[in-house]
Every structure is written in structure tokens, then in C-alpha cells.
PDB file of N, CA and C in Angstrom:
ATOM      1  N   UNK A   1       3.587  -2.846  10.445  1.00  0.00           N
ATOM      2  CA  UNK A   1       2.664  -1.961  11.230  1.00  0.00           C
ATOM      3  C   UNK A   1       1.237  -2.586  10.488  1.00  0.00           C
ATOM      4  N   UNK A   2       1.244  -3.177   9.182  1.00  0.00           N
ATOM      5  CA  UNK A   2      -0.064  -3.811   8.615  1.00  0.00           C
ATOM      6  C   UNK A   2      -0.369  -5.169  10.030  1.00  0.00           C
ATOM      7  N   UNK A   3       1.022  -5.807  10.411  1.00  0.00           N
ATOM      8  CA  UNK A   3       0.245  -6.789  10.953  1.00  0.00           C
ATOM      9  C   UNK A   3      -0.202  -6.193  12.456  1.00  0.00           C
ATOM     10  N   UNK A   4       0.139  -5.378  13.039  1.00  0.00           N
ATOM     11  CA  UNK A   4      -0.248  -4.748  14.083  1.00  0.00           C
ATOM     12  C   UNK A   4      -1.897  -4.325  14.101  1.00  0.00           C
ATOM     13  N   UNK A   5      -2.241  -3.534  12.885  1.00  0.00           N
ATOM     14  CA  UNK A   5      -3.267  -2.988  12.650  1.00  0.00           C
ATOM     15  C   UNK A   5      -4.531  -4.471  12.463  1.00  0.00           C
ATOM     16  N   UNK A   6      -3.869  -5.219  11.818  1.00  0.00           N
ATOM     17  CA  UNK A   6      -4.996  -6.435  11.489  1.00  0.00           C
ATOM     18  C   UNK A   6      -5.106  -7.238  12.470  1.00  0.00           C
ATOM     19  N   UNK A   7      -4.093  -7.329  13.597  1.00  0.00           N
ATOM     20  CA  UNK A   7      -3.981  -8.065  14.547  1.00  0.00           C
ATOM     21  C   UNK A   7      -5.055  -7.435  15.758  1.00  0.00           C
ATOM     22  N   UNK A   8      -5.270  -6.328  15.716  1.00  0.00           N
ATOM     23  CA  UNK A   8      -5.980  -5.374  16.598  1.00  0.00           C
ATOM     24  C   UNK A   8      -7.396  -5.370  15.537  1.00  0.00           C
ATOM     25  N   UNK A   9      -7.617  -5.026  14.895  1.00  0.00           N
ATOM     26  CA  UNK A   9      -8.960  -5.455  14.387  1.00  0.00           C
ATOM     27  C   UNK A   9      -9.563  -6.631  14.365  1.00  0.00           C
ATOM     28  N   UNK A  10      -8.840  -7.836  14.011  1.00  0.00           N
ATOM     29  CA  UNK A  10      -9.680  -9.302  14.479  1.00  0.00           C
ATOM     30  C   UNK A  10      -9.885  -9.360  15.983  1.00  0.00           C
ATOM     31  N   UNK A  11      -8.954  -9.054  16.992  1.00  0.00           N
ATOM     32  CA  UNK A  11      -9.043  -8.855  18.426  1.00  0.00           C
ATOM     33  C   UNK A  11     -10.132  -8.229  19.004  1.00  0.00           C
ATOM     34  N   UNK A  12     -10.320  -7.063  18.238  1.00  0.00           N
ATOM     35  CA  UNK A  12     -11.519  -6.416  18.745  1.00  0.00           C
ATOM     36  C   UNK A  12     -12.865  -6.862  18.406  1.00  0.00           C
ATOM     37  N   UNK A  13     -12.837  -7.827  17.184  1.00  0.00           N
ATOM     38  CA  UNK A  13     -13.812  -8.352  16.303  1.00  0.00           C
ATOM     39  C   UNK A  13     -14.274  -9.692  16.995  1.00  0.00           C
ATOM     40  N   UNK A  14     -13.572 -10.228  17.913  1.00  0.00           N
ATOM     41  CA  UNK A  14     -13.858 -11.380  18.703  1.00  0.00           C
ATOM     42  C   UNK A  14     -15.504 -11.491  19.394  1.00  0.00           C
ATOM     43  N   UNK A  15     -15.476 -12.502  20.378  1.00  0.00           N
ATOM     44  CA  UNK A  15     -16.375 -12.614  21.101  1.00  0.00           C
ATOM     45  C   UNK A  15     -17.057 -11.483  21.798  1.00  0.00           C
ATOM     46  N   UNK A  16     -18.229 -11.348  22.051  1.00  0.00           N
ATOM     47  CA  UNK A  16     -18.649  -9.630  23.171  1.00  0.00           C
ATOM     48  C   UNK A  16     -17.959 -10.166  24.510  1.00  0.00           C
ATOM     49  N   UNK A  17     -17.819  -8.866  25.022  1.00  0.00           N
ATOM     50  CA  UNK A  17     -17.384  -9.314  26.552  1.00  0.00           C
ATOM     51  C   UNK A  17     -15.798  -9.419  26.402  1.00  0.00           C
ATOM     52  N   UNK A  18     -15.244  -9.890  28.165  1.00  0.00           N
ATOM     53  CA  UNK A  18     -13.922  -9.621  28.359  1.00  0.00           C
ATOM     54  C   UNK A  18     -13.307 -10.689  27.784  1.00  0.00           C
ATOM     55  N   UNK A  19     -11.819 -10.392  26.647  1.00  0.00           N
ATOM     56  CA  UNK A  19     -11.594 -11.530  26.451  1.00  0.00           C
ATOM     57  C   UNK A  19      -9.802 -11.901  27.198  1.00  0.00           C
ATOM     58  N   UNK A  20      -9.362 -12.850  27.105  1.00  0.00           N
ATOM     59  CA  UNK A  20      -8.624 -13.502  27.296  1.00  0.00           C
ATOM     60  C   UNK A  20      -7.187 -14.318  26.277  1.00  0.00           C
ATOM     61  N   UNK A  21      -7.048 -13.210  25.243  1.00  0.00           N
ATOM     62  CA  UNK A  21      -5.977 -14.048  24.120  1.00  0.00           C
ATOM     63  C   UNK A  21      -4.316 -14.593  24.744  1.00  0.00           C
ATOM     64  N   UNK A  22      -4.455 -15.611  24.380  1.00  0.00           N
ATOM     65  CA  UNK A  22      -3.336 -16.666  24.626  1.00  0.00           C
ATOM     66  C   UNK A  22      -2.597 -17.068  23.269  1.00  0.00           C
ATOM     67  N   UNK A  23      -1.303 -17.093  23.483  1.00  0.00           N
ATOM     68  CA  UNK A  23      -0.513 -17.412  22.160  1.00  0.00           C
ATOM     69  C   UNK A  23      -0.646 -18.753  22.168  1.00  0.00           C
ATOM     70  N   UNK A  24      -0.781 -19.745  21.471  1.00  0.00           N
ATOM     71  CA  UNK A  24      -0.600 -21.348  21.428  1.00  0.00           C
ATOM     72  C   UNK A  24       0.389 -22.009  20.528  1.00  0.00           C
ATOM     73  N   UNK A  25       0.830 -20.997  19.456  1.00  0.00           N
ATOM     74  CA  UNK A  25       2.154 -21.404  18.621  1.00  0.00           C
ATOM     75  C   UNK A  25       1.694 -20.767  17.519  1.00  0.00           C
ATOM     76  N   UNK A  26       2.527 -21.804  16.406  1.00  0.00           N
ATOM     77  CA  UNK A  26       2.255 -21.093  15.199  1.00  0.00           C
ATOM     78  C   UNK A  26       2.118 -22.109  14.203  1.00  0.00           C
ATOM     79  N   UNK A  27       2.239 -21.455  12.871  1.00  0.00           N
ATOM     80  CA  UNK A  27       1.750 -22.831  12.076  1.00  0.00           C
ATOM     81  C   UNK A  27       2.337 -22.518  10.741  1.00  0.00           C
ATOM     82  N   UNK A  28       3.079 -22.733   9.684  1.00  0.00           N
ATOM     83  CA  UNK A  28       3.213 -23.059   8.512  1.00  0.00           C
ATOM     84  C   UNK A  28       4.809 -21.921   8.312  1.00  0.00           C
ATOM     85  N   UNK A  29       5.296 -21.893   9.751  1.00  0.00           N
ATOM     86  CA  UNK A  29       6.625 -21.211   9.703  1.00  0.00           C
ATOM     87  C   UNK A  29       6.379 -19.641  10.278  1.00  0.00           C
ATOM     88  N   UNK A  30       5.410 -18.541   9.111  1.00  0.00           N
ATOM     89  CA  UNK A  30       5.208 -17.380   9.819  1.00  0.00           C
ATOM     90  C   UNK A  30       3.883 -16.870  10.175  1.00  0.00           C
ATOM     91  N   UNK A  31       3.303 -18.230  10.895  1.00  0.00           N
ATOM     92  CA  UNK A  31       1.521 -17.425  11.524  1.00  0.00           C
ATOM     93  C   UNK A  31       1.733 -17.620  13.043  1.00  0.00           C
ATOM     94  N   UNK A  32       1.029 -17.230  13.590  1.00  0.00           N
ATOM     95  CA  UNK A  32       1.036 -17.324  15.069  1.00  0.00           C
ATOM     96  C   UNK A  32      -0.190 -17.014  15.180  1.00  0.00           C
ATOM     97  N   UNK A  33      -0.883 -18.034  16.250  1.00  0.00           N
ATOM     98  CA  UNK A  33      -1.940 -18.479  16.559  1.00  0.00           C
ATOM     99  C   UNK A  33      -2.472 -18.164  18.178  1.00  0.00           C
ATOM    100  N   UNK A  34      -3.014 -17.808  18.287  1.00  0.00           N
ATOM    101  CA  UNK A  34      -4.175 -17.096  19.633  1.00  0.00           C
ATOM    102  C   UNK A  34      -5.557 -17.933  20.239  1.00  0.00           C
ATOM    103  N   UNK A  35      -5.849 -18.011  21.306  1.00  0.00           N
ATOM    104  CA  UNK A  35      -7.008 -18.799  21.201  1.00  0.00           C
ATOM    105  C   UNK A  35      -7.612 -17.620  22.872  1.00  0.00           C
ATOM    106  N   UNK A  36      -8.639 -17.800  22.799  1.00  0.00           N
ATOM    107  CA  UNK A  36      -9.543 -16.715  23.911  1.00  0.00           C
ATOM    108  C   UNK A  36      -9.649 -17.851  25.148  1.00  0.00           C
ATOM    109  N   UNK A  37      -9.053 -17.363  26.151  1.00  0.00           N
ATOM    110  CA  UNK A  37      -8.650 -18.548  27.552  1.00  0.00           C
ATOM    111  C   UNK A  37     -10.234 -17.847  28.394  1.00  0.00           C
ATOM    112  N   UNK A  38     -10.535 -16.805  27.877  1.00  0.00           N
ATOM    113  CA  UNK A  38     -11.907 -16.190  29.200  1.00  0.00           C
ATOM    114  C   UNK A  38     -12.793 -17.006  28.469  1.00  0.00           C
ATOM    115  N   UNK A  39     -13.131 -17.338  27.123  1.00  0.00           N
ATOM    116  CA  UNK A  39     -14.321 -18.042  26.109  1.00  0.00           C
ATOM    117  C   UNK A  39     -14.109 -19.437  26.126  1.00  0.00           C
ATOM    118  N   UNK A  40     -13.560 -19.838  26.750  1.00  0.00           N
ATOM    119  CA  UNK A  40     -13.645 -21.658  26.731  1.00  0.00           C
ATOM    120  C   UNK A  40     -15.064 -21.898  26.681  1.00  0.00           C
ATOM    121  N   UNK A  41     -15.905 -22.449  26.238  1.00  0.00           N
ATOM    122  CA  UNK A  41     -17.088 -23.346  26.966  1.00  0.00           C
ATOM    123  C   UNK A  41     -17.233 -24.679  26.070  1.00  0.00           C
ATOM    124  N   UNK A  42     -17.984 -25.258  27.247  1.00  0.00           N
ATOM    125  CA  UNK A  42     -17.896 -27.046  27.158  1.00  0.00           C
ATOM    126  C   UNK A  42     -19.569 -27.118  26.516  1.00  0.00           C
ATOM    127  N   UNK A  43     -19.698 -27.795  25.816  1.00  0.00           N
ATOM    128  CA  UNK A  43     -21.222 -28.007  25.353  1.00  0.00           C
ATOM    129  C   UNK A  43     -21.742 -28.957  25.831  1.00  0.00           C
ATOM    130  N   UNK A  44     -23.663 -29.151  25.670  1.00  0.00           N
ATOM    131  CA  UNK A  44     -23.744 -30.373  26.826  1.00  0.00           C
ATOM    132  C   UNK A  44     -23.011 -31.678  26.135  1.00  0.00           C
ATOM    133  N   UNK A  45     -23.021 -31.312  24.973  1.00  0.00           N
ATOM    134  CA  UNK A  45     -22.122 -32.789  24.458  1.00  0.00           C
ATOM    135  C   UNK A  45     -21.147 -33.152  24.710  1.00  0.00           C
ATOM    136  N   UNK A  46     -20.371 -32.372  25.145  1.00  0.00           N
ATOM    137  CA  UNK A  46     -18.733 -32.619  26.031  1.00  0.00           C
ATOM    138  C   UNK A  46     -17.881 -31.715  25.122  1.00  0.00           C
ATOM    139  N   UNK A  47     -17.989 -31.299  23.921  1.00  0.00           N
ATOM    140  CA  UNK A  47     -16.975 -30.848  23.503  1.00  0.00           C
ATOM    141  C   UNK A  47     -17.064 -29.539  23.805  1.00  0.00           C
ATOM    142  N   UNK A  48     -15.673 -29.080  23.538  1.00  0.00           N
ATOM    143  CA  UNK A  48     -15.344 -27.643  24.001  1.00  0.00           C
ATOM    144  C   UNK A  48     -15.508 -26.796  22.570  1.00  0.00           C
ATOM    145  N   UNK A  49     -15.851 -25.470  22.929  1.00  0.00           N
ATOM    146  CA  UNK A  49     -16.071 -24.184  21.792  1.00  0.00           C
ATOM    147  C   UNK A  49     -14.999 -23.326  22.088  1.00  0.00           C
ATOM    148  N   UNK A  50     -13.961 -23.125  21.669  1.00  0.00           N
ATOM    149  CA  UNK A  50     -13.086 -21.750  21.653  1.00  0.00           C
ATOM    150  C   UNK A  50     -12.612 -20.897  20.714  1.00  0.00           C
ATOM    151  N   UNK A  51     -12.387 -19.832  20.909  1.00  0.00           N
ATOM    152  CA  UNK A  51     -12.543 -18.723  19.872  1.00  0.00           C
ATOM    153  C   UNK A  51     -10.898 -18.912  19.497  1.00  0.00           C
ATOM    154  N   UNK A  52     -10.313 -18.639  18.103  1.00  0.00           N
ATOM    155  CA  UNK A  52      -8.977 -18.768  18.168  1.00  0.00           C
ATOM    156  C   UNK A  52      -8.666 -18.313  16.795  1.00  0.00           C
ATOM    157  N   UNK A  53      -7.533 -18.011  16.198  1.00  0.00           N
ATOM    158  CA  UNK A  53      -7.619 -16.596  15.374  1.00  0.00           C
ATOM    159  C   UNK A  53      -5.905 -16.981  15.131  1.00  0.00           C
ATOM    160  N   UNK A  54      -5.681 -17.033  13.774  1.00  0.00           N
ATOM    161  CA  UNK A  54      -3.892 -16.728  13.749  1.00  0.00           C
ATOM    162  C   UNK A  54      -3.810 -15.853  12.423  1.00  0.00           C
ATOM    163  N   UNK A  55      -2.413 -15.369  12.275  1.00  0.00           N
ATOM    164  CA  UNK A  55      -2.031 -14.098  11.748  1.00  0.00           C
ATOM    165  C   UNK A  55      -0.830 -14.663  11.113  1.00  0.00           C
ATOM    166  N   UNK A  56      -0.694 -13.852   9.919  1.00  0.00           N
ATOM    167  CA  UNK A  56       0.608 -13.864   9.358  1.00  0.00           C
ATOM    168  C   UNK A  56       1.358 -13.084   9.371  1.00  0.00           C
ATOM    169  N   UNK A  57       2.608 -13.491   9.943  1.00  0.00           N
ATOM    170  CA  UNK A  57       3.663 -12.294  10.234  1.00  0.00           C
ATOM    171  C   UNK A  57       4.238 -11.871   9.197  1.00  0.00           C
ATOM    172  N   UNK A  58       4.865 -10.717   8.910  1.00  0.00           N
ATOM    173  CA  UNK A  58       5.187  -9.930   8.008  1.00  0.00           C
ATOM    174  C   UNK A  58       6.781 -10.586   7.865  1.00  0.00           C
ATOM    175  N   UNK A  59       7.262 -10.754   8.871  1.00  0.00           N
ATOM    176  CA  UNK A  59       8.960 -11.521   9.097  1.00  0.00           C
ATOM    177  C   UNK A  59       8.818 -12.904   9.469  1.00  0.00           C
ATOM    178  N   UNK A  60       9.418 -13.223   8.368  1.00  0.00           N
ATOM    179  CA  UNK A  60       8.640 -15.092   8.474  1.00  0.00           C
ATOM    180  C   UNK A  60       9.703 -15.450   9.616  1.00  0.00           C
ATOM    181  N   UNK A  61      10.964 -15.010  10.048  1.00  0.00           N
ATOM    182  CA  UNK A  61      11.582 -15.742  10.816  1.00  0.00           C
ATOM    183  C   UNK A  61      11.786 -15.020  12.252  1.00  0.00           C
ATOM    184  N   UNK A  62      10.556 -14.371  12.505  1.00  0.00           N
ATOM    185  CA  UNK A  62      10.369 -13.700  13.816  1.00  0.00           C
ATOM    186  C   UNK A  62      10.035 -14.209  15.144  1.00  0.00           C
ATOM    187  N   UNK A  63      10.974 -14.280  15.865  1.00  0.00           N
ATOM    188  CA  UNK A  63      10.548 -15.209  17.275  1.00  0.00           C
ATOM    189  C   UNK A  63       8.956 -14.848  17.623  1.00  0.00           C
ATOM    190  N   UNK A  64       8.264 -15.983  17.877  1.00  0.00           N
ATOM    191  CA  UNK A  64       7.043 -16.183  18.492  1.00  0.00           C
ATOM    192  C   UNK A  64       7.300 -14.945  19.969  1.00  0.00           C
ATOM    193  N   UNK A  65       8.630 -15.053  20.867  1.00  0.00           N
ATOM    194  CA  UNK A  65       8.262 -14.219  21.665  1.00  0.00           C
ATOM    195  C   UNK A  65       8.117 -12.708  21.001  1.00  0.00           C
ATOM    196  N   UNK A  66       8.724 -12.039  20.287  1.00  0.00           N
ATOM    197  CA  UNK A  66       8.768 -10.890  19.839  1.00  0.00           C
ATOM    198  C   UNK A  66       7.293 -10.328  19.455  1.00  0.00           C
ATOM    199  N   UNK A  67       6.938 -11.275  19.388  1.00  0.00           N
ATOM    200  CA  UNK A  67       5.533 -11.155  18.485  1.00  0.00           C
ATOM    201  C   UNK A  67       4.337 -10.977  19.581  1.00  0.00           C
ATOM    202  N   UNK A  68       4.661 -11.282  20.782  1.00  0.00           N
ATOM    203  CA  UNK A  68       3.782 -11.125  21.877  1.00  0.00           C
ATOM    204  C   UNK A  68       3.612 -10.157  22.388  1.00  0.00           C
ATOM    205  N   UNK A  69       4.649  -8.842  21.810  1.00  0.00           N
ATOM    206  CA  UNK A  69       3.702  -7.495  22.076  1.00  0.00           C
ATOM    207  C   UNK A  69       4.624  -6.915  23.552  1.00  0.00           C
TER     208      UNK A  69
END
């Protein structure tokens, strides 16, 4: 339950406007990472600026498909 509350809090605190969070993978076994597909921005020097966030799952062996909601 804490995972869901933390995920909701961080997703709501993201960039202003419409967001389109997509899961792009995990890290260190029990982290799930997301990026905001609607907020991808290319800077004048050609770099990409992307909002991303990773969350620790309380179940280290949980399938990423189960964490998508």
C-alpha cells in the first residue's frame, strides 16, 4: 500500500499539464522506472529533456507487468 501512495504522490508532483507515464524498465532488482512520454523536450543544443522517476517495490521479485496497475 505504501508503494501505491508513494507512486501516486510522485506522479502527481511531476511537471504541470498532461502527463503520459510509461514504464521503461527497472534497476537493481526491485526498482521500477517510468518516463513522461508527453513531456519529452528537445533543447536548442540537441539534447533531450525527459522527466523520469524510479520507485522501489516492496516485493523484490514482483513482475513489472504486475506493477503496471
